[in-house]
C-alpha atoms as a PDB file:
ATOM      1  CA  MET A   1       9.626 -30.293  34.185  1.00  0.00           C
ATOM      2  CA  ARG A   2       8.462 -33.727  35.279  1.00  0.00           C
ATOM      3  CA  HIS A   3       7.384 -32.310  38.657  1.00  0.00           C
ATOM      4  CA  LEU A   4       5.247 -29.640  36.965  1.00  0.00           C
ATOM      5  CA  VAL A   5       3.539 -32.234  34.768  1.00  0.00           C
ATOM      6  CA  LEU A   6       2.847 -34.506  37.732  1.00  0.00           C
ATOM      7  CA  PHE A   7       1.457 -31.592  39.791  1.00  0.00           C
ATOM      8  CA  CYS A   8      -0.852 -30.512  36.921  1.00  0.00           C
ATOM      9  CA  HIS A   9      -2.023 -34.095  36.448  1.00  0.00           C
ATOM     10  CA  ARG A  10      -2.674 -34.694  40.143  1.00  0.00           C
ATOM     11  CA  HIS A  11      -4.388 -31.344  40.681  1.00  0.00           C
ATOM     12  CA  ALA A  12      -6.159 -30.956  37.327  1.00  0.00           C
ATOM     13  CA  TRP A  13      -9.251 -29.212  38.749  1.00  0.00           C
ATOM     14  CA  TRP A  14      -7.122 -26.640  40.560  1.00  0.00           C
ATOM     15  CA  VAL A  15      -5.103 -25.989  37.397  1.00  0.00           C
ATOM     16  CA  ILE A  16      -8.285 -25.546  35.310  1.00  0.00           C
ATOM     17  CA  ALA A  17      -9.748 -23.222  37.951  1.00  0.00           C
ATOM     18  CA  GLY A  18      -6.519 -21.215  37.985  1.00  0.00           C
ATOM     19  CA  TRP A  19      -6.572 -20.791  34.213  1.00  0.00           C
ATOM     20  CA  LEU A  20     -10.217 -19.684  34.350  1.00  0.00           C
ATOM     21  CA  VAL A  21      -9.333 -17.070  37.006  1.00  0.00           C
ATOM     22  CA  VAL A  22      -6.457 -15.798  34.843  1.00  0.00           C
ATOM     23  CA  LEU A  23      -8.749 -15.647  31.783  1.00  0.00           C
ATOM     24  CA  ALA A  24     -11.422 -13.748  33.699  1.00  0.00           C
ATOM     25  CA  ALA A  25      -8.831 -11.301  35.065  1.00  0.00           C
ATOM     26  CA  LEU A  26      -7.394 -10.617  31.607  1.00  0.00           C
ATOM     27  CA  THR A  27     -10.866 -10.149  30.117  1.00  0.00           C
ATOM     28  CA  THR A  28     -11.813  -7.714  32.867  1.00  0.00           C
ATOM     29  CA  ALA A  29      -8.550  -5.798  32.530  1.00  0.00           C
ATOM     30  CA  GLY A  30      -8.983  -5.574  28.753  1.00  0.00           C
ATOM     31  CA  ALA A  31     -12.534  -4.287  29.083  1.00  0.00           C
ATOM     32  CA  ALA A  32     -11.476  -1.735  31.709  1.00  0.00           C
ATOM     33  CA  ALA A  33      -8.577  -0.485  29.580  1.00  0.00           C
ATOM     34  CA  GLY A  34     -10.876   0.109  26.595  1.00  0.00           C
ATOM     35  CA  SER A  35      -9.964   0.312  22.961  1.00  0.00           C
ATOM     36  CA  ASP A  36      -7.251   2.587  21.644  1.00  0.00           C
ATOM     37  CA  TYR A  37      -8.718   2.490  18.123  1.00  0.00           C
ATOM     38  CA  ARG A  38      -9.193   5.900  16.537  1.00  0.00           C
ATOM     39  CA  ASP A  39     -10.632   6.727  13.147  1.00  0.00           C
ATOM     40  CA  THR A  40      -8.933  10.067  12.583  1.00  0.00           C
ATOM     41  CA  LEU A  41      -6.710  11.389   9.844  1.00  0.00           C
ATOM     42  CA  LYS A  42      -5.318  14.426  11.583  1.00  0.00           C
ATOM     43  CA  PRO A  43      -1.540  14.011  11.932  1.00  0.00           C
ATOM     44  CA  PRO A  44      -0.322  17.475  10.934  1.00  0.00           C
ATOM     45  CA  ALA A  45       2.253  16.433   8.346  1.00  0.00           C
ATOM     46  CA  SER A  46       0.418  13.529   6.684  1.00  0.00           C
ATOM     47  CA  ASP A  47      -0.456  13.520   2.997  1.00  0.00           C
ATOM     48  CA  SER A  48      -4.102  12.807   3.747  1.00  0.00           C
ATOM     49  CA  THR A  49      -4.363  15.852   6.018  1.00  0.00           C
ATOM     50  CA  LEU A  50      -2.849  18.034   3.306  1.00  0.00           C
ATOM     51  CA  ALA A  51      -5.249  16.601   0.717  1.00  0.00           C
ATOM     52  CA  GLN A  52      -8.248  17.213   2.982  1.00  0.00           C
ATOM     53  CA  THR A  53      -7.101  20.778   3.602  1.00  0.00           C
ATOM     54  CA  LEU A  54      -6.730  21.442  -0.129  1.00  0.00           C
ATOM     55  CA  LEU A  55     -10.145  19.928  -0.890  1.00  0.00           C
ATOM     56  CA  ALA A  56     -11.741  22.047   1.829  1.00  0.00           C
ATOM     57  CA  GLU A  57     -10.269  25.211   0.273  1.00  0.00           C
ATOM     58  CA  VAL A  58     -11.725  24.484  -3.184  1.00  0.00           C
ATOM     59  CA  PRO A  59     -15.397  25.430  -3.478  1.00  0.00           C
ATOM     60  CA  GLY A  60     -17.654  22.623  -4.737  1.00  0.00           C
ATOM     61  CA  GLY A  61     -18.761  24.454  -7.863  1.00  0.00           C
ATOM     62  CA  GLY A  62     -15.368  25.950  -8.659  1.00  0.00           C
ATOM     63  CA  GLN A  63     -12.155  24.456  -9.884  1.00  0.00           C
ATOM     64  CA  GLY A  64     -12.484  20.657 -10.173  1.00  0.00           C
ATOM     65  CA  GLY A  65     -16.083  20.700  -8.979  1.00  0.00           C
ATOM     66  CA  ALA A  66     -17.158  18.153 -11.582  1.00  0.00           C
ATOM     67  CA  GLN A  67     -14.539  15.736 -10.280  1.00  0.00           C
ATOM     68  CA  ILE A  68     -15.804  15.816  -6.675  1.00  0.00           C
ATOM     69  CA  SER A  69     -18.963  13.971  -5.659  1.00  0.00           C
ATOM     70  CA  ALA A  70     -21.902  15.846  -4.156  1.00  0.00           C
ATOM     71  CA  ASP A  71     -21.163  14.552  -0.655  1.00  0.00           C
ATOM     72  CA  GLY A  72     -17.488  15.577  -0.970  1.00  0.00           C
ATOM     73  CA  ARG A  73     -16.199  12.120  -0.039  1.00  0.00           C
ATOM     74  CA  THR A  74     -15.118  10.870  -3.459  1.00  0.00           C
ATOM     75  CA  ALA A  75     -13.034  12.531  -6.157  1.00  0.00           C
ATOM     76  CA  PHE A  76     -11.095  11.512  -9.229  1.00  0.00           C
ATOM     77  CA  ALA A  77      -8.334  12.952 -11.337  1.00  0.00           C
ATOM     78  CA  THR A  78      -7.095  12.273 -14.834  1.00  0.00           C
ATOM     79  CA  VAL A  79      -3.363  11.617 -14.996  1.00  0.00           C
ATOM     80  CA  SER A  80      -1.475  11.455 -18.290  1.00  0.00           C
ATOM     81  CA  TYR A  81       1.975   9.926 -18.616  1.00  0.00           C
ATOM     82  CA  ASP A  82       4.530  10.255 -21.368  1.00  0.00           C
ATOM     83  CA  VAL A  83       4.193   6.886 -23.104  1.00  0.00           C
ATOM     84  CA  LYS A  84       7.909   6.653 -23.837  1.00  0.00           C
ATOM     85  CA  TRP A  85       9.172   6.968 -20.246  1.00  0.00           C
ATOM     86  CA  TRP A  86       9.819   3.221 -20.015  1.00  0.00           C
ATOM     87  CA  LEU A  87      11.261   2.682 -23.500  1.00  0.00           C
ATOM     88  CA  PRO A  88      15.028   2.260 -23.867  1.00  0.00           C
ATOM     89  CA  SER A  89      16.769   5.302 -25.333  1.00  0.00           C
ATOM     90  CA  TRP A  90      18.022   3.456 -28.424  1.00  0.00           C
ATOM     91  CA  LEU A  91      14.428   2.679 -29.402  1.00  0.00           C
ATOM     92  CA  ASP A  92      13.652   6.400 -29.831  1.00  0.00           C
ATOM     93  CA  ARG A  93      16.050   6.460 -32.783  1.00  0.00           C
ATOM     94  CA  VAL A  94      14.732   3.238 -34.347  1.00  0.00           C
ATOM     95  CA  VAL A  95      10.925   3.575 -34.148  1.00  0.00           C
ATOM     96  CA  PRO A  96      10.502   6.614 -36.454  1.00  0.00           C
ATOM     97  CA  ARG A  97      12.711   5.023 -39.130  1.00  0.00           C
ATOM     98  CA  ILE A  98      10.891   1.666 -38.900  1.00  0.00           C
ATOM     99  CA  ALA A  99       7.578   3.448 -39.421  1.00  0.00           C
ATOM    100  CA  VAL A 100       8.877   4.900 -42.712  1.00  0.00           C
ATOM    101  CA  GLU A 101      11.342   2.321 -44.059  1.00  0.00           C
ATOM    102  CA  GLY A 102      10.279  -0.911 -42.336  1.00  0.00           C
ATOM    103  CA  PRO A 103      12.406  -3.067 -39.973  1.00  0.00           C
ATOM    104  CA  SER A 104      15.957  -4.107 -40.756  1.00  0.00           C
ATOM    105  CA  ALA A 105      18.780  -6.082 -39.115  1.00  0.00           C
ATOM    106  CA  ALA A 106      20.274  -2.800 -37.909  1.00  0.00           C
ATOM    107  CA  ASP A 107      17.263  -2.323 -35.636  1.00  0.00           C
ATOM    108  CA  ALA A 108      18.522  -4.827 -33.062  1.00  0.00           C
ATOM    109  CA  PRO A 109      19.461  -3.248 -29.743  1.00  0.00           C
ATOM    110  CA  PRO A 110      23.127  -2.431 -29.153  1.00  0.00           C
ATOM    111  CA  ALA A 111      25.222  -5.158 -27.518  1.00  0.00           C
ATOM    112  CA  ALA A 112      25.426  -3.241 -24.224  1.00  0.00           C
ATOM    113  CA  GLU A 113      21.642  -2.917 -24.141  1.00  0.00           C
ATOM    114  CA  ARG A 114      21.172  -6.655 -24.851  1.00  0.00           C
ATOM    115  CA  GLU A 115      23.555  -7.519 -22.014  1.00  0.00           C
ATOM    116  CA  ARG A 116      21.737  -5.177 -19.611  1.00  0.00           C
ATOM    117  CA  GLU A 117      18.353  -6.687 -20.569  1.00  0.00           C
ATOM    118  CA  ALA A 118      19.745 -10.211 -20.114  1.00  0.00           C
ATOM    119  CA  ALA A 119      21.080  -9.281 -16.667  1.00  0.00           C
ATOM    120  CA  ASP A 120      17.732  -7.729 -15.659  1.00  0.00           C
ATOM    121  CA  GLY A 121      15.829 -10.792 -16.850  1.00  0.00           C
ATOM    122  CA  SER A 122      17.806 -13.270 -14.747  1.00  0.00           C
END
């Protein structure tokens, strides 16, 4: 390694010229190779291709026409979820009774549910 350092130090102008030649060669090779960038969404099995195909089949004034912009590039959909999908199952039994009778000590989650929640929280 010492020999390489001494050579580079003693022949600094040759080393700089060599690096410039390498840089110019790489720049030229990169320009000659061109860019492989493509702005296409046409893989046959992709979700975006399927969505584009479905949108092309729907006429603009027909089904969902009010949800698609005039230029056909933007659309929206309304999605509704069941609000209770994330609630624990024991809560389904407790909430209706609380609404009528008010909360009580019996409304605490079962021991197994408390342990599971404690494990998920840590």
